[in-house]
Amino acid sequence: MSNAQAVSSGTTAAVRDTCLCLHLQRAARAVARQFDEVFRPLGLTSGQFSLLMALNRAEPPTIGRVAALLAMDRTTLTAALKPLARRALVEIAVDVADRRSRRLVLTAPGRAALAAAVPVWQREHTAIERRLAGTNADTLRAELRALS
């Protein structure tokens, strides 16, 4: 028999109604599902689009830099890279300056996939911002950046 105290239904309702973590998670999942749906014909997920975009740089970034940018741990990032590498959209290369480090290279097919996805992203992003009627999207972005 447990001596744990029960949490009241009032507390449960208060957390449900006010918890920033819960509301951010719900919103993130809903938005990700929307982008997953529009990217599906391109064979991409919203996470893969973000990852390809993070690699779209003049100099191929290291795994550590991309993990930090996307707020992912390196193990999760490595797992996310595998399907993109299998499709030859991304190449994981040894860093010539530090052979212990890996650089993430956006390949020509990866750049083509990203180029095809950008107009889809633009349309969906515009539609989502329209749904934020009465909300300043720039302020929302700034506040979300402050949390990360």
C-alpha atoms as a PDB file:
ATOM      1  CA  MET A   1       0.000   0.000   0.000  1.00  0.00           C
ATOM      2  CA  SER A   2       1.367   3.389  -0.972  1.00  0.00           C
ATOM      3  CA  ASN A   3       1.580   6.420   1.266  1.00  0.00           C
ATOM      4  CA  ALA A   4       1.619   8.744  -1.734  1.00  0.00           C
ATOM      5  CA  GLN A   5      -0.838  11.597  -1.499  1.00  0.00           C
ATOM      6  CA  ALA A   6      -3.428  11.997  -4.229  1.00  0.00           C
ATOM      7  CA  VAL A   7      -3.261  15.044  -6.451  1.00  0.00           C
ATOM      8  CA  SER A   8      -6.569  16.883  -6.425  1.00  0.00           C
ATOM      9  CA  SER A   9      -8.678  17.251  -9.549  1.00  0.00           C
ATOM     10  CA  GLY A  10      -8.382  21.016  -9.070  1.00  0.00           C
ATOM     11  CA  THR A  11      -4.598  20.776  -9.330  1.00  0.00           C
ATOM     12  CA  THR A  12      -4.929  18.563 -12.386  1.00  0.00           C
ATOM     13  CA  ALA A  13      -7.217  21.129 -14.039  1.00  0.00           C
ATOM     14  CA  ALA A  14      -4.887  23.991 -13.126  1.00  0.00           C
ATOM     15  CA  VAL A  15      -1.890  22.200 -14.668  1.00  0.00           C
ATOM     16  CA  ARG A  16      -3.940  21.294 -17.762  1.00  0.00           C
ATOM     17  CA  ASP A  17      -5.005  24.911 -18.199  1.00  0.00           C
ATOM     18  CA  THR A  18      -1.785  26.747 -17.316  1.00  0.00           C
ATOM     19  CA  CYS A  19       1.235  24.500 -17.905  1.00  0.00           C
ATOM     20  CA  LEU A  20       3.482  26.135 -20.493  1.00  0.00           C
ATOM     21  CA  CYS A  21       5.307  22.871 -21.139  1.00  0.00           C
ATOM     22  CA  LEU A  22       2.054  21.054 -21.934  1.00  0.00           C
ATOM     23  CA  HIS A  23       0.775  23.823 -24.210  1.00  0.00           C
ATOM     24  CA  LEU A  24       4.102  24.157 -26.034  1.00  0.00           C
ATOM     25  CA  GLN A  25       4.291  20.387 -26.550  1.00  0.00           C
ATOM     26  CA  ARG A  26       0.723  20.246 -27.873  1.00  0.00           C
ATOM     27  CA  ALA A  27       1.282  23.166 -30.223  1.00  0.00           C
ATOM     28  CA  ALA A  28       4.603  21.739 -31.435  1.00  0.00           C
ATOM     29  CA  ARG A  29       3.030  18.355 -32.148  1.00  0.00           C
ATOM     30  CA  ALA A  30       0.077  19.917 -33.974  1.00  0.00           C
ATOM     31  CA  VAL A  31       2.287  22.127 -36.136  1.00  0.00           C
ATOM     32  CA  ALA A  32       4.697  19.257 -36.846  1.00  0.00           C
ATOM     33  CA  ARG A  33       1.755  17.077 -37.949  1.00  0.00           C
ATOM     34  CA  GLN A  34       0.607  19.814 -40.332  1.00  0.00           C
ATOM     35  CA  PHE A  35       4.060  20.110 -41.884  1.00  0.00           C
ATOM     36  CA  ASP A  36       4.471  16.317 -41.972  1.00  0.00           C
ATOM     37  CA  GLU A  37       1.275  16.128 -44.013  1.00  0.00           C
ATOM     38  CA  VAL A  38       2.317  18.733 -46.596  1.00  0.00           C
ATOM     39  CA  PHE A  39       5.862  17.318 -46.862  1.00  0.00           C
ATOM     40  CA  ARG A  40       4.659  13.696 -47.232  1.00  0.00           C
ATOM     41  CA  PRO A  41       4.407  13.876 -51.083  1.00  0.00           C
ATOM     42  CA  LEU A  42       8.085  14.926 -51.083  1.00  0.00           C
ATOM     43  CA  GLY A  43       9.086  11.978 -48.913  1.00  0.00           C
ATOM     44  CA  LEU A  44      10.110  14.226 -46.018  1.00  0.00           C
ATOM     45  CA  THR A  45       8.979  14.862 -42.476  1.00  0.00           C
ATOM     46  CA  SER A  46       8.972  18.237 -40.754  1.00  0.00           C
ATOM     47  CA  GLY A  47      11.997  17.133 -38.730  1.00  0.00           C
ATOM     48  CA  GLN A  48      13.890  16.106 -41.849  1.00  0.00           C
ATOM     49  CA  PHE A  49      13.099  19.453 -43.474  1.00  0.00           C
ATOM     50  CA  SER A  50      14.483  21.269 -40.424  1.00  0.00           C
ATOM     51  CA  LEU A  51      17.566  19.071 -40.455  1.00  0.00           C
ATOM     52  CA  LEU A  52      18.222  19.616 -44.172  1.00  0.00           C
ATOM     53  CA  MET A  53      17.742  23.358 -43.672  1.00  0.00           C
ATOM     54  CA  ALA A  54      20.250  23.286 -40.799  1.00  0.00           C
ATOM     55  CA  LEU A  55      22.799  21.743 -43.180  1.00  0.00           C
ATOM     56  CA  ASN A  56      22.242  24.331 -45.898  1.00  0.00           C
ATOM     57  CA  ARG A  57      25.411  26.317 -45.206  1.00  0.00           C
ATOM     58  CA  ALA A  58      28.458  27.368 -47.156  1.00  0.00           C
ATOM     59  CA  GLU A  59      30.663  25.228 -44.891  1.00  0.00           C
ATOM     60  CA  PRO A  60      29.389  21.799 -43.772  1.00  0.00           C
ATOM     61  CA  PRO A  61      28.648  22.002 -40.038  1.00  0.00           C
ATOM     62  CA  THR A  62      29.768  19.553 -37.387  1.00  0.00           C
ATOM     63  CA  ILE A  63      27.344  17.182 -35.712  1.00  0.00           C
ATOM     64  CA  GLY A  64      27.761  19.150 -32.486  1.00  0.00           C
ATOM     65  CA  ARG A  65      26.799  22.468 -34.080  1.00  0.00           C
ATOM     66  CA  VAL A  66      23.708  21.014 -35.729  1.00  0.00           C
ATOM     67  CA  ALA A  67      22.685  19.257 -32.513  1.00  0.00           C
ATOM     68  CA  ALA A  68      22.968  22.561 -30.628  1.00  0.00           C
ATOM     69  CA  LEU A  69      21.027  24.479 -33.295  1.00  0.00           C
ATOM     70  CA  LEU A  70      18.186  21.950 -33.274  1.00  0.00           C
ATOM     71  CA  ALA A  71      18.299  21.453 -29.464  1.00  0.00           C
ATOM     72  CA  MET A  72      18.867  17.714 -29.955  1.00  0.00           C
ATOM     73  CA  ASP A  73      21.312  15.405 -28.311  1.00  0.00           C
ATOM     74  CA  ARG A  74      23.962  13.932 -30.611  1.00  0.00           C
ATOM     75  CA  THR A  75      22.531  10.412 -30.390  1.00  0.00           C
ATOM     76  CA  THR A  76      19.076  11.571 -31.504  1.00  0.00           C
ATOM     77  CA  LEU A  77      20.617  13.621 -34.309  1.00  0.00           C
ATOM     78  CA  THR A  78      22.686  10.655 -35.482  1.00  0.00           C
ATOM     79  CA  ALA A  79      19.539   8.506 -35.615  1.00  0.00           C
ATOM     80  CA  ALA A  80      17.695  11.242 -37.550  1.00  0.00           C
ATOM     81  CA  LEU A  81      20.537  11.440 -40.078  1.00  0.00           C
ATOM     82  CA  LYS A  82      20.477   7.732 -40.963  1.00  0.00           C
ATOM     83  CA  PRO A  83      17.409   7.747 -43.257  1.00  0.00           C
ATOM     84  CA  LEU A  84      18.666  10.912 -44.972  1.00  0.00           C
ATOM     85  CA  ALA A  85      22.096   9.338 -45.492  1.00  0.00           C
ATOM     86  CA  ARG A  86      20.489   6.139 -46.873  1.00  0.00           C
ATOM     87  CA  ARG A  87      18.639   8.303 -49.407  1.00  0.00           C
ATOM     88  CA  ALA A  88      21.949  10.084 -50.246  1.00  0.00           C
ATOM     89  CA  LEU A  89      20.496  13.451 -49.201  1.00  0.00           C
ATOM     90  CA  VAL A  90      23.193  13.866 -46.559  1.00  0.00           C
ATOM     91  CA  GLU A  91      26.757  12.638 -46.293  1.00  0.00           C
ATOM     92  CA  ILE A  92      28.582  12.230 -42.992  1.00  0.00           C
ATOM     93  CA  ALA A  93      32.224  13.036 -43.672  1.00  0.00           C
ATOM     94  CA  VAL A  94      35.357  13.006 -41.547  1.00  0.00           C
ATOM     95  CA  ASP A  95      36.476  16.540 -40.708  1.00  0.00           C
ATOM     96  CA  VAL A  96      39.865  17.036 -42.390  1.00  0.00           C
ATOM     97  CA  ALA A  97      40.956  19.448 -39.637  1.00  0.00           C
ATOM     98  CA  ASP A  98      39.973  17.079 -36.796  1.00  0.00           C
ATOM     99  CA  ARG A  99      39.617  13.436 -37.777  1.00  0.00           C
ATOM    100  CA  ARG A 100      37.662  12.718 -34.576  1.00  0.00           C
ATOM    101  CA  SER A 101      34.916  15.075 -35.721  1.00  0.00           C
ATOM    102  CA  ARG A 102      32.275  14.588 -38.414  1.00  0.00           C
ATOM    103  CA  ARG A 103      30.904  17.142 -40.854  1.00  0.00           C
ATOM    104  CA  LEU A 104      27.403  16.926 -42.276  1.00  0.00           C
ATOM    105  CA  VAL A 105      27.311  17.559 -45.997  1.00  0.00           C
ATOM    106  CA  LEU A 106      24.110  18.395 -47.847  1.00  0.00           C
ATOM    107  CA  THR A 107      24.465  16.495 -51.130  1.00  0.00           C
ATOM    108  CA  ALA A 108      23.165  17.603 -54.539  1.00  0.00           C
ATOM    109  CA  PRO A 109      20.054  15.405 -54.129  1.00  0.00           C
ATOM    110  CA  GLY A 110      19.652  16.859 -50.626  1.00  0.00           C
ATOM    111  CA  ARG A 111      19.807  20.404 -51.998  1.00  0.00           C
ATOM    112  CA  ALA A 112      17.231  19.446 -54.651  1.00  0.00           C
ATOM    113  CA  ALA A 113      14.910  17.956 -52.004  1.00  0.00           C
ATOM    114  CA  LEU A 114      15.283  21.082 -49.896  1.00  0.00           C
ATOM    115  CA  ALA A 115      14.604  23.347 -52.894  1.00  0.00           C
ATOM    116  CA  ALA A 116      11.420  21.395 -53.648  1.00  0.00           C
ATOM    117  CA  ALA A 117      10.315  21.615 -50.010  1.00  0.00           C
ATOM    118  CA  VAL A 118      10.836  25.357 -49.494  1.00  0.00           C
ATOM    119  CA  PRO A 119       7.775  26.522 -51.482  1.00  0.00           C
ATOM    120  CA  VAL A 120       5.666  23.934 -49.632  1.00  0.00           C
ATOM    121  CA  TRP A 121       7.036  25.229 -46.328  1.00  0.00           C
ATOM    122  CA  GLN A 122       6.351  28.842 -47.360  1.00  0.00           C
ATOM    123  CA  ARG A 123       2.695  28.103 -48.170  1.00  0.00           C
ATOM    124  CA  GLU A 124       2.069  26.147 -44.976  1.00  0.00           C
ATOM    125  CA  HIS A 125       3.987  28.612 -42.814  1.00  0.00           C
ATOM    126  CA  THR A 126       1.926  31.505 -44.196  1.00  0.00           C
ATOM    127  CA  ALA A 127      -1.285  29.573 -43.500  1.00  0.00           C
ATOM    128  CA  ILE A 128      -0.241  28.872 -39.914  1.00  0.00           C
ATOM    129  CA  GLU A 129       0.686  32.499 -39.294  1.00  0.00           C
ATOM    130  CA  ARG A 130      -2.760  33.535 -40.608  1.00  0.00           C
ATOM    131  CA  ARG A 131      -4.321  31.269 -37.967  1.00  0.00           C
ATOM    132  CA  LEU A 132      -2.519  33.304 -35.305  1.00  0.00           C
ATOM    133  CA  ALA A 133      -4.878  36.222 -35.900  1.00  0.00           C
ATOM    134  CA  GLY A 134      -4.399  38.824 -33.211  1.00  0.00           C
ATOM    135  CA  THR A 135      -0.978  37.448 -32.311  1.00  0.00           C
ATOM    136  CA  ASN A 136       2.218  39.129 -33.380  1.00  0.00           C
ATOM    137  CA  ALA A 137       4.171  36.227 -34.899  1.00  0.00           C
ATOM    138  CA  ASP A 138       7.481  38.074 -34.520  1.00  0.00           C
ATOM    139  CA  THR A 139       6.828  38.555 -30.798  1.00  0.00           C
ATOM    140  CA  LEU A 140       5.863  34.894 -30.460  1.00  0.00           C
ATOM    141  CA  ARG A 141       9.095  33.822 -32.209  1.00  0.00           C
ATOM    142  CA  ALA A 142      11.151  36.074 -29.921  1.00  0.00           C
ATOM    143  CA  GLU A 143       9.456  34.682 -26.830  1.00  0.00           C
ATOM    144  CA  LEU A 144       9.993  31.094 -27.992  1.00  0.00           C
ATOM    145  CA  ARG A 145      13.674  31.844 -28.693  1.00  0.00           C
ATOM    146  CA  ALA A 146      13.970  33.243 -25.165  1.00  0.00           C
ATOM    147  CA  LEU A 147      12.844  29.861 -23.829  1.00  0.00           C
ATOM    148  CA  SER A 148      15.399  27.968 -25.858  1.00  0.00           C
END
